[in-house]
Amino acid sequence: QVQLVESGGGLVQAGGSLRLSCAGSGRPFRGYGMGWFRQAPGKERDFVAAISWGGGWTYYADSVKGRFTISRDNAKGTVYLQMSSLTPEDTAVYYCAAALQVGPLTTSGAYTYWGQGTQVTVSS
């Protein structure tokens, strides 16, 4: 069992930056691919970014390429999402998720465990 807790969300002005963190516990963090998803009001939960278990591979949705960076610190058991050049369209609840083994990390079906989400609101 893996427990995931997101933090770092909040209110930020358009053009600003914010860093989200996701702390994992319950099992060794090292062995999981990790992803970030987001869900805006009235919309489906969408893929944002993912990182392989060793950090050697990263994947991004087209909407965030060049603006968001996913990274992980396995020693700290934490995955991060650094967000910059934020726009109101980035407003959503952001969720982190852990994949049990190799799979298609850009889809929600690849993930076994999910955090509770953290709200990000971008004002103009």
Protein backbone atom coordinates (compact mmCIF):
# COMPACT_ATOMS: atom_id res chain seq x y z
CA GLN A 1 0.00 0.00 0.00
CA VAL A 2 1.16 3.51 -0.87
CA GLN A 3 -0.12 6.71 0.67
CA LEU A 4 0.32 9.94 -1.29
CA VAL A 5 -0.14 13.47 0.04
CA GLU A 6 -0.01 16.53 -2.21
CA SER A 7 0.91 19.99 -1.00
CA GLY A 8 1.94 23.37 -2.34
CA GLY A 9 -1.27 24.43 -4.03
CA GLY A 10 -2.74 27.86 -3.60
CA LEU A 11 -3.58 31.12 -5.32
CA VAL A 12 -1.14 32.64 -7.78
CA GLN A 13 -1.31 35.41 -10.36
CA ALA A 14 -1.16 34.69 -14.07
CA GLY A 15 2.44 34.48 -15.21
CA GLY A 16 3.58 33.34 -11.80
CA SER A 17 5.10 30.10 -10.58
CA LEU A 18 4.19 27.44 -8.08
CA ARG A 19 5.75 24.16 -7.00
CA LEU A 20 3.65 21.20 -5.98
CA SER A 21 4.99 18.36 -3.88
CA CYS A 22 3.75 14.83 -3.41
CA ALA A 23 5.07 12.81 -0.50
CA GLY A 24 4.81 9.04 -0.62
CA SER A 25 4.86 6.57 2.23
CA GLY A 26 3.91 3.01 3.06
CA ARG A 27 6.25 1.30 0.57
CA PRO A 28 9.61 2.17 -0.92
CA PHE A 29 9.07 5.23 -3.09
CA ARG A 30 11.93 4.31 -5.38
CA GLY A 31 10.03 1.58 -7.19
CA TYR A 32 7.13 3.57 -8.65
CA GLY A 33 6.54 5.62 -11.73
CA MET A 34 4.80 8.83 -10.73
CA GLY A 35 2.35 11.11 -12.46
CA TRP A 36 0.45 14.33 -12.05
CA PHE A 37 -3.12 14.81 -13.23
CA ARG A 38 -5.51 17.70 -12.90
CA GLN A 39 -9.24 18.23 -12.93
CA ALA A 40 -10.81 21.59 -13.63
CA PRO A 41 -14.42 22.40 -12.71
CA GLY A 42 -16.83 20.59 -15.01
CA LYS A 43 -14.05 18.72 -16.81
CA GLU A 44 -12.52 15.26 -16.78
CA ARG A 45 -9.30 14.46 -15.00
CA ASP A 46 -6.48 15.06 -17.47
CA PHE A 47 -2.89 13.91 -17.65
CA VAL A 48 -0.31 16.59 -16.87
CA ALA A 49 3.12 14.99 -16.44
CA ALA A 50 4.80 11.72 -15.52
CA ILE A 51 8.25 10.49 -14.56
CA SER A 52 9.71 7.00 -14.64
CA TRP A 53 10.83 5.15 -11.54
CA GLY A 54 14.44 6.20 -11.99
CA GLY A 55 13.72 9.69 -13.25
CA GLY A 56 15.25 9.04 -16.66
CA TRP A 57 12.04 9.49 -18.62
CA THR A 58 9.54 12.33 -18.38
CA TYR A 59 6.29 12.92 -20.23
CA TYR A 60 4.17 16.05 -20.53
CA ALA A 61 0.81 17.02 -21.86
CA ASP A 62 1.08 19.39 -24.82
CA SER A 63 -0.68 22.08 -22.83
CA VAL A 64 2.11 22.28 -20.25
CA LYS A 65 5.25 21.53 -22.26
CA GLY A 66 7.89 24.15 -21.70
CA ARG A 67 6.11 25.50 -18.64
CA PHE A 68 5.93 22.60 -16.19
CA THR A 69 8.73 20.34 -14.98
CA ILE A 70 8.28 17.08 -13.13
CA SER A 71 11.06 15.73 -10.95
CA ARG A 72 11.54 13.31 -8.10
CA ASP A 73 13.78 12.87 -5.11
CA ASN A 74 13.61 9.22 -4.17
CA ALA A 75 15.73 9.72 -1.07
CA LYS A 76 13.08 12.11 0.23
CA GLY A 77 10.20 10.06 -1.13
CA THR A 78 8.83 13.07 -2.97
CA VAL A 79 7.81 13.98 -6.50
CA TYR A 80 7.52 17.60 -7.59
CA LEU A 81 5.71 19.59 -10.24
CA GLN A 82 7.32 22.94 -10.91
CA MET A 83 4.85 25.17 -12.70
CA SER A 84 5.69 28.46 -14.37
CA SER A 85 4.01 30.92 -16.73
CA LEU A 86 0.72 29.95 -15.18
CA THR A 87 -2.56 30.97 -16.77
CA PRO A 88 -6.16 30.81 -15.54
CA GLU A 89 -6.58 27.69 -17.70
CA ASP A 90 -4.23 25.91 -15.31
CA THR A 91 -6.73 26.31 -12.49
CA ALA A 92 -7.65 22.84 -11.25
CA VAL A 93 -7.27 20.32 -8.50
CA TYR A 94 -3.94 18.61 -9.03
CA TYR A 95 -3.48 14.96 -8.11
CA CYS A 96 -0.38 12.85 -7.88
CA ALA A 97 -0.44 9.12 -8.55
CA ALA A 98 1.88 6.14 -8.28
CA ALA A 99 2.23 3.37 -10.86
CA LEU A 100 3.01 -0.10 -9.57
CA GLN A 101 5.11 -1.14 -12.53
CA VAL A 102 6.06 -0.22 -16.08
CA GLY A 103 3.08 0.91 -18.12
CA PRO A 104 1.58 3.77 -20.13
CA LEU A 105 2.20 6.58 -17.65
CA THR A 106 0.24 9.12 -19.67
CA THR A 107 -3.05 7.39 -18.85
CA SER A 108 -4.83 7.19 -15.52
CA GLY A 109 -5.24 3.42 -15.88
CA ALA A 110 -1.52 2.94 -15.33
CA TYR A 111 -1.74 4.17 -11.75
CA THR A 112 -2.68 2.21 -8.67
CA TYR A 113 -2.53 4.83 -5.92
CA TRP A 114 -3.78 8.41 -5.85
CA GLY A 115 -3.43 11.36 -3.54
CA GLN A 116 -6.28 13.53 -2.31
CA GLY A 117 -5.46 16.48 -4.55
CA THR A 118 -4.38 20.06 -4.00
CA GLN A 119 -6.13 23.13 -5.37
CA VAL A 120 -4.30 25.47 -7.73
CA THR A 121 -6.05 28.71 -8.63
CA VAL A 122 -4.56 31.15 -11.14
CA SER A 123 -5.96 34.66 -11.24
CA SER A 124 -5.63 37.12 -14.11
